[in-house]
Amino acid sequence: MLRLDFAKMGGLVPAIAQDEKTGEVLMLAFMNQAAWEETLKTRRATYYSRTRDILWVKGLTSGHIQHVKEIRVDCDHDTVLLKVKQEGGAACHTGHVSCFHQRVEDGGLVTMGTPAFDPKEVYK
């Protein structure tokens, strides 16, 4: 089995989720060894929540699951790229398609696009 270098960041590696068809970067999260193994086993993106100190399957609460279609690992084996099919049309907990929906402009942030869902309705 491929061994990732979890030691560089204290047991974690960054994991980038990218839309398999459009190439849009949807989000960045972190994986520990258990999240990595679960993702490989289930082909559903599983991450490690640093704030809650638990594994979380993306979309388990919202229904916006990420089905992993392809996995790439960088040359140092310390970053993962997941090419996913995003259920529900949005990866961000704000309801936007991508977590990267804010553009820096004139020293401030400009929100691009509108949410695909209302987070108040999804995360009750």
PDB file of N, CA and C in Angstrom:
ATOM      1  N   MET A   1       0.836  -1.185   0.000  1.00  0.00           N
ATOM      2  CA  MET A   1       0.000   0.000   0.000  1.00  0.00           C
ATOM      3  C   MET A   1       0.880   1.248   0.000  1.00  0.00           C
ATOM      4  N   LEU A   2       0.459   2.242  -0.703  1.00  0.00           N
ATOM      5  CA  LEU A   2       1.148   3.525  -0.747  1.00  0.00           C
ATOM      6  C   LEU A   2       1.175   4.130   0.648  1.00  0.00           C
ATOM      7  N   ARG A   3       2.313   4.636   1.035  1.00  0.00           N
ATOM      8  CA  ARG A   3       2.477   5.285   2.344  1.00  0.00           C
ATOM      9  C   ARG A   3       2.603   6.784   2.137  1.00  0.00           C
ATOM     10  N   LEU A   4       1.694   7.532   2.733  1.00  0.00           N
ATOM     11  CA  LEU A   4       1.806   8.979   2.697  1.00  0.00           C
ATOM     12  C   LEU A   4       2.681   9.439   3.850  1.00  0.00           C
ATOM     13  N   ASP A   5       3.266  10.624   3.700  1.00  0.00           N
ATOM     14  CA  ASP A   5       4.141  11.170   4.732  1.00  0.00           C
ATOM     15  C   ASP A   5       3.318  12.038   5.685  1.00  0.00           C
ATOM     16  N   PHE A   6       2.708  11.390   6.671  1.00  0.00           N
ATOM     17  CA  PHE A   6       1.891  12.095   7.653  1.00  0.00           C
ATOM     18  C   PHE A   6       2.750  12.807   8.704  1.00  0.00           C
ATOM     19  N   ALA A   7       4.030  12.499   8.769  1.00  0.00           N
ATOM     20  CA  ALA A   7       4.898  13.041   9.820  1.00  0.00           C
ATOM     21  C   ALA A   7       5.189  14.532   9.651  1.00  0.00           C
ATOM     22  N   LYS A   8       5.199  15.030   8.417  1.00  0.00           N
ATOM     23  CA  LYS A   8       5.592  16.428   8.174  1.00  0.00           C
ATOM     24  C   LYS A   8       4.684  17.439   8.857  1.00  0.00           C
ATOM     25  N   MET A   9       3.407  17.119   8.954  1.00  0.00           N
ATOM     26  CA  MET A   9       2.444  18.057   9.537  1.00  0.00           C
ATOM     27  C   MET A   9       1.763  17.467  10.767  1.00  0.00           C
ATOM     28  N   GLY A  10       2.517  16.743  11.547  1.00  0.00           N
ATOM     29  CA  GLY A  10       1.973  16.239  12.795  1.00  0.00           C
ATOM     30  C   GLY A  10       0.849  15.243  12.647  1.00  0.00           C
ATOM     31  N   GLY A  11       0.945  14.402  11.628  1.00  0.00           N
ATOM     32  CA  GLY A  11      -0.054  13.356  11.436  1.00  0.00           C
ATOM     33  C   GLY A  11      -1.126  13.672  10.406  1.00  0.00           C
ATOM     34  N   LEU A  12      -0.995  14.806   9.732  1.00  0.00           N
ATOM     35  CA  LEU A  12      -2.000  15.214   8.743  1.00  0.00           C
ATOM     36  C   LEU A  12      -1.356  15.492   7.390  1.00  0.00           C
ATOM     37  N   VAL A  13      -2.176  15.368   6.336  1.00  0.00           N
ATOM     38  CA  VAL A  13      -1.779  15.818   5.001  1.00  0.00           C
ATOM     39  C   VAL A  13      -2.925  16.654   4.440  1.00  0.00           C
ATOM     40  N   PRO A  14      -2.610  17.717   3.676  1.00  0.00           N
ATOM     41  CA  PRO A  14      -3.667  18.469   3.005  1.00  0.00           C
ATOM     42  C   PRO A  14      -4.310  17.593   1.937  1.00  0.00           C
ATOM     43  N   ALA A  15      -5.624  17.757   1.784  1.00  0.00           N
ATOM     44  CA  ALA A  15      -6.374  17.025   0.761  1.00  0.00           C
ATOM     45  C   ALA A  15      -7.215  18.033  -0.013  1.00  0.00           C
ATOM     46  N   ILE A  16      -6.958  18.125  -1.298  1.00  0.00           N
ATOM     47  CA  ILE A  16      -7.677  19.045  -2.177  1.00  0.00           C
ATOM     48  C   ILE A  16      -8.746  18.249  -2.911  1.00  0.00           C
ATOM     49  N   ALA A  17      -9.984  18.766  -2.887  1.00  0.00           N
ATOM     50  CA  ALA A  17     -11.068  18.145  -3.656  1.00  0.00           C
ATOM     51  C   ALA A  17     -11.302  18.989  -4.901  1.00  0.00           C
ATOM     52  N   GLN A  18     -11.318  18.316  -6.051  1.00  0.00           N
ATOM     53  CA  GLN A  18     -11.464  18.981  -7.344  1.00  0.00           C
ATOM     54  C   GLN A  18     -12.589  18.306  -8.107  1.00  0.00           C
ATOM     55  N   ASP A  19     -13.439  19.087  -8.749  1.00  0.00           N
ATOM     56  CA  ASP A  19     -14.510  18.520  -9.558  1.00  0.00           C
ATOM     57  C   ASP A  19     -13.909  17.716 -10.700  1.00  0.00           C
ATOM     58  N   GLU A  20     -14.320  16.476 -10.825  1.00  0.00           N
ATOM     59  CA  GLU A  20     -13.736  15.582 -11.831  1.00  0.00           C
ATOM     60  C   GLU A  20     -13.984  16.040 -13.263  1.00  0.00           C
ATOM     61  N   LYS A  21     -15.069  16.741 -13.511  1.00  0.00           N
ATOM     62  CA  LYS A  21     -15.401  17.145 -14.879  1.00  0.00           C
ATOM     63  C   LYS A  21     -14.891  18.544 -15.224  1.00  0.00           C
ATOM     64  N   THR A  22     -15.105  19.510 -14.326  1.00  0.00           N
ATOM     65  CA  THR A  22     -14.760  20.898 -14.640  1.00  0.00           C
ATOM     66  C   THR A  22     -13.352  21.275 -14.217  1.00  0.00           C
ATOM     67  N   GLY A  23     -12.767  20.545 -13.272  1.00  0.00           N
ATOM     68  CA  GLY A  23     -11.453  20.882 -12.757  1.00  0.00           C
ATOM     69  C   GLY A  23     -11.483  21.958 -11.688  1.00  0.00           C
ATOM     70  N   GLU A  24     -12.663  22.473 -11.359  1.00  0.00           N
ATOM     71  CA  GLU A  24     -12.761  23.513 -10.329  1.00  0.00           C
ATOM     72  C   GLU A  24     -12.321  22.957  -8.975  1.00  0.00           C
ATOM     73  N   VAL A  25     -11.512  23.722  -8.261  1.00  0.00           N
ATOM     74  CA  VAL A  25     -11.114  23.339  -6.905  1.00  0.00           C
ATOM     75  C   VAL A  25     -12.307  23.602  -5.995  1.00  0.00           C
ATOM     76  N   LEU A  26     -12.763  22.566  -5.317  1.00  0.00           N
ATOM     77  CA  LEU A  26     -13.949  22.677  -4.480  1.00  0.00           C
ATOM     78  C   LEU A  26     -13.625  23.025  -3.039  1.00  0.00           C
ATOM     79  N   MET A  27     -12.580  22.416  -2.504  1.00  0.00           N
ATOM     80  CA  MET A  27     -12.254  22.651  -1.098  1.00  0.00           C
ATOM     81  C   MET A  27     -10.883  22.097  -0.760  1.00  0.00           C
ATOM     82  N   LEU A  28     -10.408  22.493   0.403  1.00  0.00           N
ATOM     83  CA  LEU A  28      -9.185  21.957   0.990  1.00  0.00           C
ATOM     84  C   LEU A  28      -9.537  21.502   2.392  1.00  0.00           C
ATOM     85  N   ALA A  29      -9.120  20.314   2.731  1.00  0.00           N
ATOM     86  CA  ALA A  29      -9.322  19.786   4.081  1.00  0.00           C
ATOM     87  C   ALA A  29      -8.056  19.008   4.438  1.00  0.00           C
ATOM     88  N   PHE A  30      -8.114  18.284   5.527  1.00  0.00           N
ATOM     89  CA  PHE A  30      -6.966  17.495   5.961  1.00  0.00           C
ATOM     90  C   PHE A  30      -7.373  16.052   6.171  1.00  0.00           C
ATOM     91  N   MET A  31      -6.410  15.158   5.992  1.00  0.00           N
ATOM     92  CA  MET A  31      -6.608  13.734   6.252  1.00  0.00           C
ATOM     93  C   MET A  31      -5.549  13.271   7.235  1.00  0.00           C
ATOM     94  N   ASN A  32      -5.957  12.383   8.130  1.00  0.00           N
ATOM     95  CA  ASN A  32      -4.983  11.634   8.911  1.00  0.00           C
ATOM     96  C   ASN A  32      -4.955  10.224   8.317  1.00  0.00           C
ATOM     97  N   GLN A  33      -4.195   9.341   8.893  1.00  0.00           N
ATOM     98  CA  GLN A  33      -4.068   7.981   8.349  1.00  0.00           C
ATOM     99  C   GLN A  33      -5.424   7.292   8.243  1.00  0.00           C
ATOM    100  N   ALA A  34      -6.249   7.429   9.266  1.00  0.00           N
ATOM    101  CA  ALA A  34      -7.561   6.765   9.275  1.00  0.00           C
ATOM    102  C   ALA A  34      -8.469   7.315   8.179  1.00  0.00           C
ATOM    103  N   ALA A  35      -8.463   8.632   7.963  1.00  0.00           N
ATOM    104  CA  ALA A  35      -9.278   9.231   6.905  1.00  0.00           C
ATOM    105  C   ALA A  35      -8.811   8.772   5.526  1.00  0.00           C
ATOM    106  N   TRP A  36      -7.506   8.696   5.356  1.00  0.00           N
ATOM    107  CA  TRP A  36      -6.914   8.211   4.107  1.00  0.00           C
ATOM    108  C   TRP A  36      -7.381   6.781   3.819  1.00  0.00           C
ATOM    109  N   GLU A  37      -7.259   5.919   4.809  1.00  0.00           N
ATOM    110  CA  GLU A  37      -7.636   4.516   4.632  1.00  0.00           C
ATOM    111  C   GLU A  37      -9.131   4.366   4.362  1.00  0.00           C
ATOM    112  N   GLU A  38      -9.946   5.154   5.044  1.00  0.00           N
ATOM    113  CA  GLU A  38     -11.398   5.103   4.826  1.00  0.00           C
ATOM    114  C   GLU A  38     -11.757   5.582   3.425  1.00  0.00           C
ATOM    115  N   THR A  39     -11.088   6.634   2.965  1.00  0.00           N
ATOM    116  CA  THR A  39     -11.326   7.139   1.610  1.00  0.00           C
ATOM    117  C   THR A  39     -10.961   6.077   0.572  1.00  0.00           C
ATOM    118  N   LEU A  40      -9.825   5.428   0.757  1.00  0.00           N
ATOM    119  CA  LEU A  40      -9.416   4.371  -0.168  1.00  0.00           C
ATOM    120  C   LEU A  40     -10.410   3.220  -0.175  1.00  0.00           C
ATOM    121  N   LYS A  41     -10.909   2.872   1.001  1.00  0.00           N
ATOM    122  CA  LYS A  41     -11.820   1.723   1.140  1.00  0.00           C
ATOM    123  C   LYS A  41     -13.213   2.009   0.575  1.00  0.00           C
ATOM    124  N   THR A  42     -13.761   3.191   0.879  1.00  0.00           N
ATOM    125  CA  THR A  42     -15.156   3.481   0.526  1.00  0.00           C
ATOM    126  C   THR A  42     -15.327   4.272  -0.761  1.00  0.00           C
ATOM    127  N   ARG A  43     -14.255   4.945  -1.201  1.00  0.00           N
ATOM    128  CA  ARG A  43     -14.299   5.855  -2.354  1.00  0.00           C
ATOM    129  C   ARG A  43     -15.254   7.026  -2.104  1.00  0.00           C
ATOM    130  N   ARG A  44     -15.482   7.340  -0.840  1.00  0.00           N
ATOM    131  CA  ARG A  44     -16.195   8.546  -0.421  1.00  0.00           C
ATOM    132  C   ARG A  44     -15.194   9.390   0.353  1.00  0.00           C
ATOM    133  N   ALA A  45     -15.096  10.669  -0.011  1.00  0.00           N
ATOM    134  CA  ALA A  45     -14.108  11.541   0.618  1.00  0.00           C
ATOM    135  C   ALA A  45     -14.344  11.606   2.127  1.00  0.00           C
ATOM    136  N   THR A  46     -13.318  11.207   2.855  1.00  0.00           N
ATOM    137  CA  THR A  46     -13.351  11.233   4.315  1.00  0.00           C
ATOM    138  C   THR A  46     -12.174  12.062   4.788  1.00  0.00           C
ATOM    139  N   TYR A  47     -12.462  12.985   5.672  1.00  0.00           N
ATOM    140  CA  TYR A  47     -11.450  13.919   6.136  1.00  0.00           C
ATOM    141  C   TYR A  47     -11.325  13.847   7.654  1.00  0.00           C
ATOM    142  N   TYR A  48     -10.336  14.572   8.162  1.00  0.00           N
ATOM    143  CA  TYR A  48     -10.158  14.690   9.601  1.00  0.00           C
ATOM    144  C   TYR A  48     -10.487  16.125  10.002  1.00  0.00           C
ATOM    145  N   SER A  49     -11.409  16.283  10.934  1.00  0.00           N
ATOM    146  CA  SER A  49     -11.771  17.611  11.425  1.00  0.00           C
ATOM    147  C   SER A  49     -10.821  18.005  12.540  1.00  0.00           C
ATOM    148  N   ARG A  50     -10.029  19.024  12.289  1.00  0.00           N
ATOM    149  CA  ARG A  50      -9.089  19.498  13.299  1.00  0.00           C
ATOM    150  C   ARG A  50      -9.817  20.160  14.467  1.00  0.00           C
ATOM    151  N   THR A  51     -10.922  20.819  14.202  1.00  0.00           N
ATOM    152  CA  THR A  51     -11.640  21.506  15.281  1.00  0.00           C
ATOM    153  C   THR A  51     -12.434  20.541  16.158  1.00  0.00           C
ATOM    154  N   ARG A  52     -12.978  19.486  15.565  1.00  0.00           N
ATOM    155  CA  ARG A  52     -13.764  18.524  16.339  1.00  0.00           C
ATOM    156  C   ARG A  52     -12.979  17.275  16.725  1.00  0.00           C
ATOM    157  N   ASP A  53     -11.778  17.120  16.160  1.00  0.00           N
ATOM    158  CA  ASP A  53     -10.917  15.971  16.451  1.00  0.00           C
ATOM    159  C   ASP A  53     -11.610  14.639  16.155  1.00  0.00           C
ATOM    160  N   ILE A  54     -12.264  14.586  14.976  1.00  0.00           N
ATOM    161  CA  ILE A  54     -12.954  13.364  14.543  1.00  0.00           C
ATOM    162  C   ILE A  54     -12.818  13.214  13.025  1.00  0.00           C
ATOM    163  N   LEU A  55     -13.072  12.005  12.551  1.00  0.00           N
ATOM    164  CA  LEU A  55     -13.199  11.788  11.105  1.00  0.00           C
ATOM    165  C   LEU A  55     -14.563  12.285  10.678  1.00  0.00           C
ATOM    166  N   TRP A  56     -14.647  12.803   9.445  1.00  0.00           N
ATOM    167  CA  TRP A  56     -15.950  13.153   8.902  1.00  0.00           C
ATOM    168  C   TRP A  56     -16.011  12.807   7.431  1.00  0.00           C
ATOM    169  N   VAL A  57     -17.085  12.132   7.084  1.00  0.00           N
ATOM    170  CA  VAL A  57     -17.360  11.798   5.690  1.00  0.00           C
ATOM    171  C   VAL A  57     -18.045  13.019   5.089  1.00  0.00           C
ATOM    172  N   LYS A  58     -17.442  13.584   4.073  1.00  0.00           N
ATOM    173  CA  LYS A  58     -18.006  14.778   3.454  1.00  0.00           C
ATOM    174  C   LYS A  58     -19.425  14.487   2.980  1.00  0.00           C
ATOM    175  N   GLY A  59     -20.369  15.293   3.454  1.00  0.00           N
ATOM    176  CA  GLY A  59     -21.754  15.171   3.023  1.00  0.00           C
ATOM    177  C   GLY A  59     -22.617  14.272   3.878  1.00  0.00           C
ATOM    178  N   LEU A  60     -22.069  13.690   4.917  1.00  0.00           N
ATOM    179  CA  LEU A  60     -22.859  12.796   5.756  1.00  0.00           C
ATOM    180  C   LEU A  60     -24.054  13.527   6.370  1.00  0.00           C
ATOM    181  N   THR A  61     -23.861  14.779   6.766  1.00  0.00           N
ATOM    182  CA  THR A  61     -24.953  15.574   7.335  1.00  0.00           C
ATOM    183  C   THR A  61     -25.784  16.240   6.243  1.00  0.00           C
ATOM    184  N   SER A  62     -25.125  16.828   5.266  1.00  0.00           N
ATOM    185  CA  SER A  62     -25.814  17.633   4.247  1.00  0.00           C
ATOM    186  C   SER A  62     -26.362  16.823   3.084  1.00  0.00           C
ATOM    187  N   GLY A  63     -25.802  15.642   2.866  1.00  0.00           N
ATOM    188  CA  GLY A  63     -26.162  14.867   1.675  1.00  0.00           C
ATOM    189  C   GLY A  63     -25.303  15.211   0.476  1.00  0.00           C
ATOM    190  N   HIS A  64     -24.381  16.153   0.638  1.00  0.00           N
ATOM    191  CA  HIS A  64     -23.516  16.587  -0.462  1.00  0.00           C
ATOM    192  C   HIS A  64     -22.213  15.787  -0.440  1.00  0.00           C
ATOM    193  N   ILE A  65     -22.351  14.522  -0.707  1.00  0.00           N
ATOM    194  CA  ILE A  65     -21.253  13.555  -0.638  1.00  0.00           C
ATOM    195  C   ILE A  65     -20.304  13.734  -1.814  1.00  0.00           C
ATOM    196  N   GLN A  66     -19.028  13.475  -1.559  1.00  0.00           N
ATOM    197  CA  GLN A  66     -18.030  13.497  -2.620  1.00  0.00           C
ATOM    198  C   GLN A  66     -17.637  12.063  -2.951  1.00  0.00           C
ATOM    199  N   HIS A  67     -18.014  11.626  -4.147  1.00  0.00           N
ATOM    200  CA  HIS A  67     -17.652  10.303  -4.638  1.00  0.00           C
ATOM    201  C   HIS A  67     -16.292  10.426  -5.328  1.00  0.00           C
ATOM    202  N   VAL A  68     -15.309   9.713  -4.822  1.00  0.00           N
ATOM    203  CA  VAL A  68     -13.944   9.815  -5.320  1.00  0.00           C
ATOM    204  C   VAL A  68     -13.801   9.008  -6.613  1.00  0.00           C
ATOM    205  N   LYS A  69     -13.426   9.699  -7.674  1.00  0.00           N
ATOM    206  CA  LYS A  69     -13.260   9.072  -8.979  1.00  0.00           C
ATOM    207  C   LYS A  69     -11.801   8.799  -9.308  1.00  0.00           C
ATOM    208  N   GLU A  70     -10.907   9.633  -8.765  1.00  0.00           N
ATOM    209  CA  GLU A  70      -9.482   9.460  -9.006  1.00  0.00           C
ATOM    210  C   GLU A  70      -8.727  10.080  -7.834  1.00  0.00           C
ATOM    211  N   ILE A  71      -7.606   9.467  -7.485  1.00  0.00           N
ATOM    212  CA  ILE A  71      -6.762  10.004  -6.415  1.00  0.00           C
ATOM    213  C   ILE A  71      -5.365  10.212  -6.975  1.00  0.00           C
ATOM    214  N   ARG A  72      -4.832  11.392  -6.695  1.00  0.00           N
ATOM    215  CA  ARG A  72      -3.451  11.691  -7.064  1.00  0.00           C
ATOM    216  C   ARG A  72      -2.698  12.096  -5.802  1.00  0.00           C
ATOM    217  N   VAL A  73      -1.422  11.808  -5.785  1.00  0.00           N
ATOM    218  CA  VAL A  73      -0.553  12.155  -4.664  1.00  0.00           C
ATOM    219  C   VAL A  73       0.613  12.940  -5.234  1.00  0.00           C
ATOM    220  N   ASP A  74       1.030  13.992  -4.519  1.00  0.00           N
ATOM    221  CA  ASP A  74       2.137  14.803  -5.019  1.00  0.00           C
ATOM    222  C   ASP A  74       3.462  14.054  -4.904  1.00  0.00           C
ATOM    223  N   CYS A  75       4.496  14.654  -5.458  1.00  0.00           N
ATOM    224  CA  CYS A  75       5.812  14.010  -5.561  1.00  0.00           C
ATOM    225  C   CYS A  75       6.461  13.726  -4.208  1.00  0.00           C
ATOM    226  N   ASP A  76       6.091  14.480  -3.176  1.00  0.00           N
ATOM    227  CA  ASP A  76       6.653  14.260  -1.839  1.00  0.00           C
ATOM    228  C   ASP A  76       5.797  13.336  -0.981  1.00  0.00           C
ATOM    229  N   HIS A  77       4.688  12.887  -1.528  1.00  0.00           N
ATOM    230  CA  HIS A  77       3.749  12.009  -0.824  1.00  0.00           C
ATOM    231  C   HIS A  77       3.190  12.653   0.444  1.00  0.00           C
ATOM    232  N   ASP A  78       2.994  13.995   0.388  1.00  0.00           N
ATOM    233  CA  ASP A  78       2.456  14.667   1.562  1.00  0.00           C
ATOM    234  C   ASP A  78       1.254  15.575   1.255  1.00  0.00           C
ATOM    235  N   THR A  79       0.685  15.422   0.056  1.00  0.00           N
ATOM    236  CA  THR A  79      -0.539  16.131  -0.317  1.00  0.00           C
ATOM    237  C   THR A  79      -1.346  15.232  -1.239  1.00  0.00           C
ATOM    238  N   VAL A  80      -2.659  15.253  -1.031  1.00  0.00           N
ATOM    239  CA  VAL A  80      -3.566  14.408  -1.808  1.00  0.00           C
ATOM    240  C   VAL A  80      -4.484  15.289  -2.645  1.00  0.00           C
ATOM    241  N   LEU A  81      -4.733  14.873  -3.875  1.00  0.00           N
ATOM    242  CA  LEU A  81      -5.716  15.507  -4.741  1.00  0.00           C
ATOM    243  C   LEU A  81      -6.791  14.477  -5.043  1.00  0.00           C
ATOM    244  N   LEU A  82      -8.018  14.793  -4.653  1.00  0.00           N
ATOM    245  CA  LEU A  82      -9.157  13.918  -4.930  1.00  0.00           C
ATOM    246  C   LEU A  82      -9.967  14.519  -6.062  1.00  0.00           C
ATOM    247  N   LYS A  83     -10.129  13.777  -7.129  1.00  0.00           N
ATOM    248  CA  LYS A  83     -11.034  14.199  -8.196  1.00  0.00           C
ATOM    249  C   LYS A  83     -12.366  13.538  -7.872  1.00  0.00           C
ATOM    250  N   VAL A  84     -13.383  14.382  -7.652  1.00  0.00           N
ATOM    251  CA  VAL A  84     -14.646  13.888  -7.108  1.00  0.00           C
ATOM    252  C   VAL A  84     -15.848  14.240  -7.968  1.00  0.00           C
ATOM    253  N   LYS A  85     -16.874  13.438  -7.785  1.00  0.00           N
ATOM    254  CA  LYS A  85     -18.205  13.793  -8.270  1.00  0.00           C
ATOM    255  C   LYS A  85     -18.931  14.325  -7.041  1.00  0.00           C
ATOM    256  N   GLN A  86     -19.270  15.607  -7.083  1.00  0.00           N
ATOM    257  CA  GLN A  86     -19.880  16.277  -5.939  1.00  0.00           C
ATOM    258  C   GLN A  86     -21.393  16.144  -6.012  1.00  0.00           C
ATOM    259  N   GLU A  87     -21.986  15.462  -5.036  1.00  0.00           N
ATOM    260  CA  GLU A  87     -23.445  15.364  -4.948  1.00  0.00           C
ATOM    261  C   GLU A  87     -24.024  16.684  -4.459  1.00  0.00           C
ATOM    262  N   GLY A  88     -25.232  17.001  -4.878  1.00  0.00           N
ATOM    263  CA  GLY A  88     -25.935  18.161  -4.361  1.00  0.00           C
ATOM    264  C   GLY A  88     -25.481  19.498  -4.909  1.00  0.00           C
ATOM    265  N   GLY A  89     -24.480  19.507  -5.764  1.00  0.00           N
ATOM    266  CA  GLY A  89     -24.085  20.735  -6.431  1.00  0.00           C
ATOM    267  C   GLY A  89     -23.228  21.698  -5.644  1.00  0.00           C
ATOM    268  N   ALA A  90     -22.870  21.364  -4.393  1.00  0.00           N
ATOM    269  CA  ALA A  90     -22.065  22.303  -3.607  1.00  0.00           C
ATOM    270  C   ALA A  90     -21.180  21.563  -2.618  1.00  0.00           C
ATOM    271  N   ALA A  91     -19.959  22.053  -2.475  1.00  0.00           N
ATOM    272  CA  ALA A  91     -19.015  21.465  -1.526  1.00  0.00           C
ATOM    273  C   ALA A  91     -18.893  22.291  -0.253  1.00  0.00           C
ATOM    274  N   CYS A  92     -19.175  23.589  -0.340  1.00  0.00           N
ATOM    275  CA  CYS A  92     -18.931  24.489   0.784  1.00  0.00           C
ATOM    276  C   CYS A  92     -20.104  24.502   1.759  1.00  0.00           C
ATOM    277  N   HIS A  93     -19.797  24.567   3.044  1.00  0.00           N
ATOM    278  CA  HIS A  93     -20.842  24.603   4.069  1.00  0.00           C
ATOM    279  C   HIS A  93     -21.655  25.899   4.023  1.00  0.00           C
ATOM    280  N   THR A  94     -21.195  26.885   3.236  1.00  0.00           N
ATOM    281  CA  THR A  94     -21.953  28.126   3.058  1.00  0.00           C
ATOM    282  C   THR A  94     -23.011  27.981   1.972  1.00  0.00           C
ATOM    283  N   GLY A  95     -22.984  26.839   1.274  1.00  0.00           N
ATOM    284  CA  GLY A  95     -23.922  26.605   0.186  1.00  0.00           C
ATOM    285  C   GLY A  95     -23.350  26.863  -1.194  1.00  0.00           C
ATOM    286  N   HIS A  96     -22.165  27.424  -1.259  1.00  0.00           N
ATOM    287  CA  HIS A  96     -21.532  27.699  -2.546  1.00  0.00           C
ATOM    288  C   HIS A  96     -20.926  26.420  -3.139  1.00  0.00           C
ATOM    289  N   VAL A  97     -20.805  26.401  -4.448  1.00  0.00           N
ATOM    290  CA  VAL A  97     -20.238  25.251  -5.153  1.00  0.00           C
ATOM    291  C   VAL A  97     -18.836  24.949  -4.639  1.00  0.00           C
ATOM    292  N   SER A  98     -18.032  25.985  -4.497  1.00  0.00           N
ATOM    293  CA  SER A  98     -16.650  25.853  -4.058  1.00  0.00           C
ATOM    294  C   SER A  98     -16.421  26.667  -2.791  1.00  0.00           C
ATOM    295  N   CYS A  99     -15.545  26.196  -1.939  1.00  0.00           N
ATOM    296  CA  CYS A  99     -15.148  26.986  -0.765  1.00  0.00           C
ATOM    297  C   CYS A  99     -14.352  28.219  -1.194  1.00  0.00           C
ATOM    298  N   PHE A 100     -13.852  28.216  -2.411  1.00  0.00           N
ATOM    299  CA  PHE A 100     -13.062  29.323  -2.938  1.00  0.00           C
ATOM    300  C   PHE A 100     -13.943  30.253  -3.774  1.00  0.00           C
ATOM    301  N   HIS A 101     -15.029  30.734  -3.167  1.00  0.00           N
ATOM    302  CA  HIS A 101     -15.994  31.582  -3.872  1.00  0.00           C
ATOM    303  C   HIS A 101     -15.792  33.076  -3.589  1.00  0.00           C
ATOM    304  N   GLN A 102     -14.673  33.405  -2.947  1.00  0.00           N
ATOM    305  CA  GLN A 102     -14.367  34.810  -2.662  1.00  0.00           C
ATOM    306  C   GLN A 102     -13.076  35.220  -3.378  1.00  0.00           C
ATOM    307  N   ARG A 103     -13.152  36.334  -4.089  1.00  0.00           N
ATOM    308  CA  ARG A 103     -12.002  36.836  -4.839  1.00  0.00           C
ATOM    309  C   ARG A 103     -11.476  38.091  -4.141  1.00  0.00           C
ATOM    310  N   VAL A 104     -10.168  38.188  -4.031  1.00  0.00           N
ATOM    311  CA  VAL A 104      -9.540  39.385  -3.464  1.00  0.00           C
ATOM    312  C   VAL A 104      -9.559  40.469  -4.527  1.00  0.00           C
ATOM    313  N   GLU A 105     -10.121  41.609  -4.141  1.00  0.00           N
ATOM    314  CA  GLU A 105     -10.230  42.717  -5.087  1.00  0.00           C
ATOM    315  C   GLU A 105     -10.139  44.036  -4.321  1.00  0.00           C
ATOM    316  N   ASP A 106      -9.222  44.900  -4.714  1.00  0.00           N
ATOM    317  CA  ASP A 106      -9.049  46.215  -4.084  1.00  0.00           C
ATOM    318  C   ASP A 106      -8.934  46.112  -2.563  1.00  0.00           C
ATOM    319  N   GLY A 107      -8.199  45.129  -2.079  1.00  0.00           N
ATOM    320  CA  GLY A 107      -7.968  44.978  -0.655  1.00  0.00           C
ATOM    321  C   GLY A 107      -9.119  44.370   0.125  1.00  0.00           C
ATOM    322  N   GLY A 108     -10.155  43.960  -0.566  1.00  0.00           N
ATOM    323  CA  GLY A 108     -11.311  43.342   0.090  1.00  0.00           C
ATOM    324  C   GLY A 108     -11.681  42.044  -0.594  1.00  0.00           C
ATOM    325  N   LEU A 109     -12.779  41.460  -0.164  1.00  0.00           N
ATOM    326  CA  LEU A 109     -13.262  40.219  -0.754  1.00  0.00           C
ATOM    327  C   LEU A 109     -14.581  40.445  -1.478  1.00  0.00           C
ATOM    328  N   VAL A 110     -14.680  39.851  -2.656  1.00  0.00           N
ATOM    329  CA  VAL A 110     -15.897  39.901  -3.441  1.00  0.00           C
ATOM    330  C   VAL A 110     -16.414  38.473  -3.576  1.00  0.00           C
ATOM    331  N   THR A 111     -17.664  38.249  -3.182  1.00  0.00           N
ATOM    332  CA  THR A 111     -18.268  36.923  -3.302  1.00  0.00           C
ATOM    333  C   THR A 111     -18.714  36.706  -4.740  1.00  0.00           C
ATOM    334  N   MET A 112     -18.328  35.565  -5.288  1.00  0.00           N
ATOM    335  CA  MET A 112     -18.691  35.212  -6.660  1.00  0.00           C
ATOM    336  C   MET A 112     -19.787  34.162  -6.618  1.00  0.00           C
ATOM    337  N   GLY A 113     -20.796  34.325  -7.427  1.00  0.00           N
ATOM    338  CA  GLY A 113     -21.872  33.354  -7.525  1.00  0.00           C
ATOM    339  C   GLY A 113     -22.817  33.418  -6.343  1.00  0.00           C
ATOM    340  N   THR A 114     -23.835  32.595  -6.439  1.00  0.00           N
ATOM    341  CA  THR A 114     -24.822  32.506  -5.371  1.00  0.00           C
ATOM    342  C   THR A 114     -24.831  31.082  -4.829  1.00  0.00           C
ATOM    343  N   PRO A 115     -25.227  30.922  -3.578  1.00  0.00           N
ATOM    344  CA  PRO A 115     -25.251  29.576  -2.998  1.00  0.00           C
ATOM    345  C   PRO A 115     -26.197  28.630  -3.751  1.00  0.00           C
ATOM    346  N   ALA A 116     -25.814  27.371  -3.811  1.00  0.00           N
ATOM    347  CA  ALA A 116     -26.636  26.324  -4.423  1.00  0.00           C
ATOM    348  C   ALA A 116     -27.679  25.800  -3.438  1.00  0.00           C
ATOM    349  N   PHE A 117     -27.438  26.036  -2.134  1.00  0.00           N
ATOM    350  CA  PHE A 117     -28.411  25.638  -1.121  1.00  0.00           C
ATOM    351  C   PHE A 117     -28.325  26.592   0.065  1.00  0.00           C
ATOM    352  N   ASP A 118     -29.367  26.570   0.880  1.00  0.00           N
ATOM    353  CA  ASP A 118     -29.423  27.406   2.083  1.00  0.00           C
ATOM    354  C   ASP A 118     -28.866  26.604   3.256  1.00  0.00           C
ATOM    355  N   PRO A 119     -27.710  26.999   3.793  1.00  0.00           N
ATOM    356  CA  PRO A 119     -27.120  26.235   4.880  1.00  0.00           C
ATOM    357  C   PRO A 119     -28.008  26.159   6.134  1.00  0.00           C
ATOM    358  N   LYS A 120     -28.853  27.184   6.353  1.00  0.00           N
ATOM    359  CA  LYS A 120     -29.759  27.158   7.512  1.00  0.00           C
ATOM    360  C   LYS A 120     -30.763  26.021   7.410  1.00  0.00           C
ATOM    361  N   GLU A 121     -31.115  25.659   6.190  1.00  0.00           N
ATOM    362  CA  GLU A 121     -32.069  24.560   5.976  1.00  0.00           C
ATOM    363  C   GLU A 121     -31.379  23.194   6.041  1.00  0.00           C
ATOM    364  N   VAL A 122     -30.145  23.142   5.604  1.00  0.00           N
ATOM    365  CA  VAL A 122     -29.414  21.869   5.538  1.00  0.00           C
ATOM    366  C   VAL A 122     -28.833  21.471   6.877  1.00  0.00           C
ATOM    367  N   TYR A 123     -28.279  22.434   7.613  1.00  0.00           N
ATOM    368  CA  TYR A 123     -27.575  22.149   8.866  1.00  0.00           C
ATOM    369  C   TYR A 123     -28.429  22.577  10.062  1.00  0.00           C
ATOM    370  N   LYS A 124     -29.558  21.953  10.239  1.00  0.00           N
ATOM    371  CA  LYS A 124     -30.460  22.284  11.359  1.00  0.00           C
ATOM    372  C   LYS A 124     -30.015  21.608  12.621  1.00  0.00           C
TER     373      LYS A 124
END
